[in-house]
Amino acid sequence: MRAVRLPTVQNVNPNTRASMRFPLGVTYEKIYLTLGTNITQALISNLVFKINNKEFQRWNTWADYQAYLNYKANGSNAAFAFVDFTERLARDEVAMKLGTVAACAEAGVQDFTMEFDLGNYTQVAASQITAYADVEAPSANPIIQRIQVQQKAIASATQDQIFVPFGLNGYQVKRMLIKHANLSSVRVRRDGVDFYEDLPIALANARQVDFGRVPQAGYHMIDFMPDTLQSNAFNTAQVAVGGKAVPVQNLDIRPTTSAADTLTIYTESYALNSQL
């Protein structure tokens, strides 16, 4: 692994959209942003990563992304903003680095960029953002760690439904991070079989703590691989029937709320960069 400095982050100014184009020919594992004077994590929103000008990760706010990192027990420092493409607690190197970004022609990548909005702050000479990254050798691995976001407005205490792609558009779901105020439980069924059966939030949190995870207030994590075993990722594309792979016919994800709520749902999955 090499720790290298990246090109200048462009357009770092109050109330603007900053961006950076990553050099190609290496595999990106982590990105480190040094936040200059008066720039805080709270000012970062609409964080988007793109491959070949197609979005593969989006976070509405840095607070949401930090909640995801905190759940996985990553470090946190207010003077920096860290992005982690690895599964750092995985049991072997292949599993740990499966979703890292191979920004290489061999993986079909011609362009890799980052964009984010900055809020209002007092600009001084030291108000700059400097970027670094942990990188590895070139790779032909087209598998990426994809993050898709959706919102669901719920008018009252009820059970509603969340859509996640399945069948021909499906993939390997790792986790679903749900930002909420009044979520009681979530049920996940695939082709009539329960995979996450209405665990009360308190029990779900206690179970995650037992696996060494760190549940976050105001967020609920549906974690299909709390033990970090990649084989436990939830397949929404295919199931085995009679020794053959058959497309998933039905995926039913139902949150239950105790009162009106607006859910922000981040779905984390393994996908091919060609699926974007």
Protein backbone atom coordinates (compact mmCIF):
# COMPACT_ATOMS: atom_id res chain seq x y z
CA MET A 1 0.00 0.00 0.00
CA ARG A 2 1.15 3.54 -0.81
CA ALA A 3 -0.15 6.74 0.82
CA VAL A 4 -0.04 9.48 -1.82
CA ARG A 5 -1.12 13.07 -2.27
CA LEU A 6 -3.86 13.65 -4.82
CA PRO A 7 -4.45 16.55 -7.22
CA THR A 8 -5.91 19.80 -5.95
CA VAL A 9 -9.58 19.77 -4.98
CA GLN A 10 -11.18 22.28 -7.35
CA ASN A 11 -13.61 25.11 -6.55
CA VAL A 12 -13.23 25.07 -2.76
CA ASN A 13 -15.30 28.14 -1.87
CA PRO A 14 -18.37 28.94 0.27
CA ASN A 15 -21.69 27.77 -1.18
CA THR A 16 -20.16 26.02 -4.18
CA ARG A 17 -19.69 22.50 -5.53
CA ALA A 18 -16.15 21.22 -5.16
CA SER A 19 -14.76 18.41 -7.29
CA MET A 20 -11.70 16.32 -7.99
CA ARG A 21 -10.65 13.95 -10.79
CA PHE A 22 -8.60 11.02 -9.52
CA PRO A 23 -5.46 9.89 -11.37
CA LEU A 24 -5.96 6.57 -13.13
CA GLY A 25 -3.81 3.45 -13.05
CA VAL A 26 -4.10 2.55 -9.35
CA THR A 27 -6.65 0.96 -6.99
CA TYR A 28 -8.16 3.32 -4.41
CA GLU A 29 -8.75 1.94 -0.91
CA LYS A 30 -9.22 5.05 1.25
CA ILE A 31 -9.37 8.80 0.69
CA TYR A 32 -8.33 11.37 3.28
CA LEU A 33 -9.46 15.01 3.07
CA THR A 34 -7.66 17.55 5.26
CA LEU A 35 -10.16 20.30 6.03
CA GLY A 36 -8.70 23.80 6.06
CA THR A 37 -9.57 26.73 8.32
CA ASN A 38 -13.33 27.25 8.87
CA ILE A 39 -14.24 24.18 6.77
CA THR A 40 -16.01 21.52 8.84
CA GLN A 41 -17.52 18.14 8.11
CA ALA A 42 -20.98 19.62 8.67
CA LEU A 43 -20.50 21.86 5.60
CA ILE A 44 -20.14 18.83 3.28
CA SER A 45 -23.29 17.54 1.58
CA ASN A 46 -24.35 15.73 -1.60
CA LEU A 47 -21.14 13.70 -1.71
CA VAL A 48 -21.04 11.81 -5.02
CA PHE A 49 -18.51 9.43 -6.55
CA LYS A 50 -18.68 8.64 -10.26
CA ILE A 51 -17.04 6.12 -12.57
CA ASN A 52 -17.11 6.96 -16.28
CA ASN A 53 -19.45 9.85 -15.37
CA LYS A 54 -21.96 7.42 -13.81
CA GLU A 55 -22.81 7.74 -10.12
CA PHE A 56 -21.94 4.78 -7.91
CA GLN A 57 -22.07 6.35 -4.43
CA ARG A 58 -24.16 9.19 -3.02
CA TRP A 59 -24.45 10.50 0.54
CA ASN A 60 -26.89 13.33 1.27
CA THR A 61 -24.88 14.65 4.22
CA TRP A 62 -21.51 13.96 5.77
CA ALA A 63 -23.32 13.19 9.05
CA ASP A 64 -25.04 10.26 7.33
CA TYR A 65 -21.75 8.94 5.98
CA GLN A 66 -20.04 9.41 9.34
CA ALA A 67 -22.83 7.41 11.00
CA TYR A 68 -22.06 4.58 8.56
CA LEU A 69 -18.33 4.77 9.37
CA ASN A 70 -18.99 4.95 13.12
CA TYR A 71 -21.21 1.86 12.90
CA LYS A 72 -18.27 -0.04 11.38
CA ALA A 73 -16.02 1.32 14.20
CA ASN A 74 -13.83 3.35 11.86
CA GLY A 75 -11.92 6.27 13.32
CA SER A 76 -13.23 9.84 13.40
CA ASN A 77 -11.44 13.19 13.57
CA ALA A 78 -13.23 16.51 13.10
CA ALA A 79 -10.28 18.07 11.25
CA PHE A 80 -10.46 15.46 8.48
CA ALA A 81 -12.99 13.66 6.28
CA PHE A 82 -12.15 10.03 5.53
CA VAL A 83 -13.72 7.85 2.82
CA ASP A 84 -13.27 4.08 3.11
CA PHE A 85 -13.91 1.72 0.18
CA THR A 86 -12.66 -1.34 2.09
CA GLU A 87 -14.40 -3.81 4.39
CA ARG A 88 -11.67 -3.38 6.97
CA LEU A 89 -12.79 -6.11 9.41
CA ALA A 90 -13.09 -8.80 6.74
CA ARG A 91 -11.42 -12.15 7.45
CA ASP A 92 -8.91 -12.09 4.57
CA GLU A 93 -7.32 -9.63 2.16
CA VAL A 94 -9.49 -10.54 -0.82
CA ALA A 95 -12.69 -9.94 1.15
CA MET A 96 -11.33 -6.76 2.71
CA LYS A 97 -10.50 -5.17 -0.64
CA LEU A 98 -13.27 -6.61 -2.82
CA GLY A 99 -15.13 -3.30 -3.22
CA THR A 100 -12.15 -0.98 -3.63
CA VAL A 101 -12.07 1.16 -6.78
CA ALA A 102 -9.80 -0.13 -9.53
CA ALA A 103 -9.41 3.09 -11.52
CA CYS A 104 -7.75 1.20 -14.35
CA ALA A 105 -8.37 0.51 -18.02
CA GLU A 106 -8.22 -3.22 -17.22
CA ALA A 107 -11.36 -2.76 -15.09
CA GLY A 108 -13.07 -0.67 -17.77
CA VAL A 109 -12.56 2.67 -15.96
CA GLN A 110 -11.69 5.76 -17.99
CA ASP A 111 -12.76 8.39 -15.43
CA PHE A 112 -13.12 8.50 -11.63
CA THR A 113 -14.36 11.65 -9.90
CA MET A 114 -15.62 13.02 -6.57
CA GLU A 115 -18.01 15.94 -6.08
CA PHE A 116 -19.56 17.54 -3.00
CA ASP A 117 -21.34 20.73 -1.97
CA LEU A 118 -19.82 23.10 0.56
CA GLY A 119 -22.03 25.29 2.76
CA ASN A 120 -21.41 28.82 3.94
CA TYR A 121 -18.25 29.67 5.88
CA THR A 122 -15.77 32.53 6.23
CA GLN A 123 -13.12 32.17 3.55
CA VAL A 124 -9.49 32.80 4.50
CA ALA A 125 -6.21 31.93 2.82
CA ALA A 126 -5.99 28.60 4.67
CA SER A 127 -9.54 27.54 3.70
CA GLN A 128 -8.41 24.77 1.38
CA ILE A 129 -9.02 21.03 1.19
CA THR A 130 -6.01 18.80 0.60
CA ALA A 131 -6.61 15.20 -0.53
CA TYR A 132 -4.57 12.04 0.01
CA ALA A 133 -5.29 8.36 -0.63
CA ASP A 134 -4.19 4.84 0.17
CA VAL A 135 -3.60 3.15 -3.17
CA GLU A 136 -2.52 -0.25 -4.40
CA ALA A 137 -1.30 -1.70 -7.70
CA PRO A 138 -3.52 -1.64 -10.81
CA SER A 139 -6.30 -4.21 -10.89
CA ALA A 140 -8.81 -5.60 -13.36
CA ASN A 141 -11.43 -6.06 -10.61
CA PRO A 142 -14.72 -4.44 -11.81
CA ILE A 143 -16.54 -4.99 -8.48
CA ILE A 144 -17.33 -1.79 -6.59
CA GLN A 145 -18.98 -0.85 -3.32
CA ARG A 146 -22.20 0.83 -4.48
CA ILE A 147 -24.31 3.19 -2.34
CA GLN A 148 -27.80 4.15 -3.52
CA VAL A 149 -30.07 6.50 -1.58
CA GLN A 150 -33.83 6.94 -1.50
CA GLN A 151 -36.34 8.70 0.78
CA LYS A 152 -39.71 7.50 1.98
CA ALA A 153 -42.25 9.87 3.56
CA ILE A 154 -44.65 8.06 5.89
CA ALA A 155 -47.72 9.95 7.10
CA SER A 156 -48.53 8.00 10.27
CA ALA A 157 -47.83 4.89 12.29
CA THR A 158 -47.96 2.13 9.69
CA GLN A 159 -46.10 -0.56 7.78
CA ASP A 160 -44.91 0.61 4.36
CA GLN A 161 -42.64 -0.71 1.62
CA ILE A 162 -39.12 0.12 0.36
CA PHE A 163 -37.97 -0.78 -3.14
CA VAL A 164 -34.56 -2.35 -3.77
CA PRO A 165 -33.67 -3.68 -7.27
CA PHE A 166 -33.94 -7.46 -7.67
CA GLY A 167 -33.92 -10.12 -10.35
CA LEU A 168 -32.05 -9.05 -13.48
CA ASN A 169 -31.24 -5.70 -11.84
CA GLY A 170 -30.27 -7.20 -8.49
CA TYR A 171 -26.92 -7.45 -6.72
CA GLN A 172 -25.27 -8.49 -3.44
CA VAL A 173 -26.65 -6.25 -0.66
CA LYS A 174 -24.35 -5.75 2.31
CA ARG A 175 -26.31 -3.31 4.46
CA MET A 176 -29.17 -0.83 4.53
CA LEU A 177 -28.64 2.27 6.68
CA ILE A 178 -31.95 3.93 7.57
CA LYS A 179 -32.06 7.45 9.02
CA HIS A 180 -35.28 7.78 11.00
CA ALA A 181 -37.14 9.29 13.94
CA ASN A 182 -39.88 6.71 14.62
CA LEU A 183 -38.81 3.41 13.06
CA SER A 184 -39.91 0.35 15.06
CA SER A 185 -38.75 -2.59 12.95
CA VAL A 186 -38.00 -3.78 9.42
CA ARG A 187 -38.98 -7.01 7.67
CA VAL A 188 -37.09 -8.38 4.66
CA ARG A 189 -38.55 -11.26 2.63
CA ARG A 190 -37.21 -12.80 -0.58
CA ASP A 191 -39.47 -15.08 -2.60
CA GLY A 192 -41.62 -15.71 0.48
CA VAL A 193 -38.77 -16.46 2.91
CA ASP A 194 -37.92 -14.13 5.81
CA PHE A 195 -34.28 -13.01 6.00
CA TYR A 196 -34.69 -10.19 8.54
CA GLU A 197 -37.88 -10.75 10.46
CA ASP A 198 -39.19 -7.61 12.19
CA LEU A 199 -36.44 -7.41 14.80
CA PRO A 200 -37.30 -4.64 17.30
CA ILE A 201 -34.73 -1.83 17.09
CA ALA A 202 -33.43 -2.44 20.64
CA LEU A 203 -32.85 -6.15 19.92
CA ALA A 204 -31.29 -5.42 16.53
CA ASN A 205 -28.88 -2.94 18.14
CA ALA A 206 -27.95 -5.40 20.91
CA ARG A 207 -27.30 -8.09 18.30
CA GLN A 208 -25.01 -5.74 16.35
CA VAL A 209 -23.09 -4.79 19.50
CA ASP A 210 -22.53 -8.51 20.10
CA PHE A 211 -20.85 -8.63 16.67
CA GLY A 212 -18.61 -5.70 17.60
CA ARG A 213 -20.58 -3.08 15.67
CA VAL A 214 -21.52 0.36 17.01
CA PRO A 215 -25.20 1.30 16.43
CA GLN A 216 -25.80 5.04 15.98
CA ALA A 217 -28.60 7.15 17.47
CA GLY A 218 -31.12 8.25 14.83
CA TYR A 219 -30.03 5.50 12.42
CA HIS A 220 -30.88 1.83 12.05
CA MET A 221 -28.65 -0.61 10.18
CA ILE A 222 -30.05 -3.69 8.47
CA ASP A 223 -26.77 -5.61 8.34
CA PHE A 224 -26.81 -8.83 6.35
CA MET A 225 -23.16 -9.53 7.21
CA PRO A 226 -22.53 -8.25 10.77
CA ASP A 227 -19.84 -10.96 11.07
CA THR A 228 -18.16 -9.46 7.93
CA LEU A 229 -18.35 -12.78 6.09
CA GLN A 230 -18.80 -11.87 2.43
CA SER A 231 -20.78 -15.05 1.78
CA ASN A 232 -23.58 -13.61 3.94
CA ALA A 233 -24.21 -10.68 1.58
CA PHE A 234 -27.90 -10.77 0.59
CA ASN A 235 -28.36 -11.85 -3.03
CA THR A 236 -31.25 -9.93 -4.64
CA ALA A 237 -30.36 -11.16 -8.13
CA GLN A 238 -30.58 -14.95 -8.05
CA VAL A 239 -31.44 -17.90 -5.83
CA ALA A 240 -30.49 -21.55 -6.18
CA VAL A 241 -33.40 -23.80 -7.16
CA GLY A 242 -32.71 -27.45 -7.93
CA GLY A 243 -29.02 -26.72 -8.41
CA LYS A 244 -29.73 -23.93 -10.91
CA ALA A 245 -29.52 -20.15 -10.54
CA VAL A 246 -32.99 -18.62 -10.88
CA PRO A 247 -33.74 -14.86 -10.87
CA VAL A 248 -35.39 -13.53 -7.70
CA GLN A 249 -39.11 -13.11 -8.33
CA ASN A 250 -40.11 -11.05 -5.32
CA LEU A 251 -38.30 -8.86 -2.79
CA ASP A 252 -40.43 -7.40 -0.01
CA ILE A 253 -38.86 -4.87 2.40
CA ARG A 254 -41.30 -3.39 4.91
CA PRO A 255 -40.45 -0.80 7.61
CA THR A 256 -42.87 -0.28 10.50
CA THR A 257 -43.07 3.16 12.14
CA SER A 258 -44.68 4.23 15.41
CA ALA A 259 -45.57 7.70 14.03
CA ALA A 260 -45.11 9.87 10.96
CA ASP A 261 -41.55 9.77 9.67
CA THR A 262 -39.32 10.50 6.70
CA LEU A 263 -36.91 7.63 6.13
CA THR A 264 -33.62 8.15 4.30
CA ILE A 265 -32.38 4.76 3.12
CA TYR A 266 -28.84 4.04 1.95
CA THR A 267 -28.42 0.63 0.30
CA GLU A 268 -24.84 -0.65 0.26
CA SER A 269 -24.05 -3.45 -2.17
CA TYR A 270 -21.43 -5.13 -4.29
CA ALA A 271 -22.03 -4.46 -7.97
CA LEU A 272 -20.13 -4.46 -11.24
CA ASN A 273 -19.07 -1.05 -12.51
CA SER A 274 -20.77 -2.05 -15.77
CA GLN A 275 -24.12 -2.09 -13.95
CA LEU A 276 -24.12 1.67 -13.32
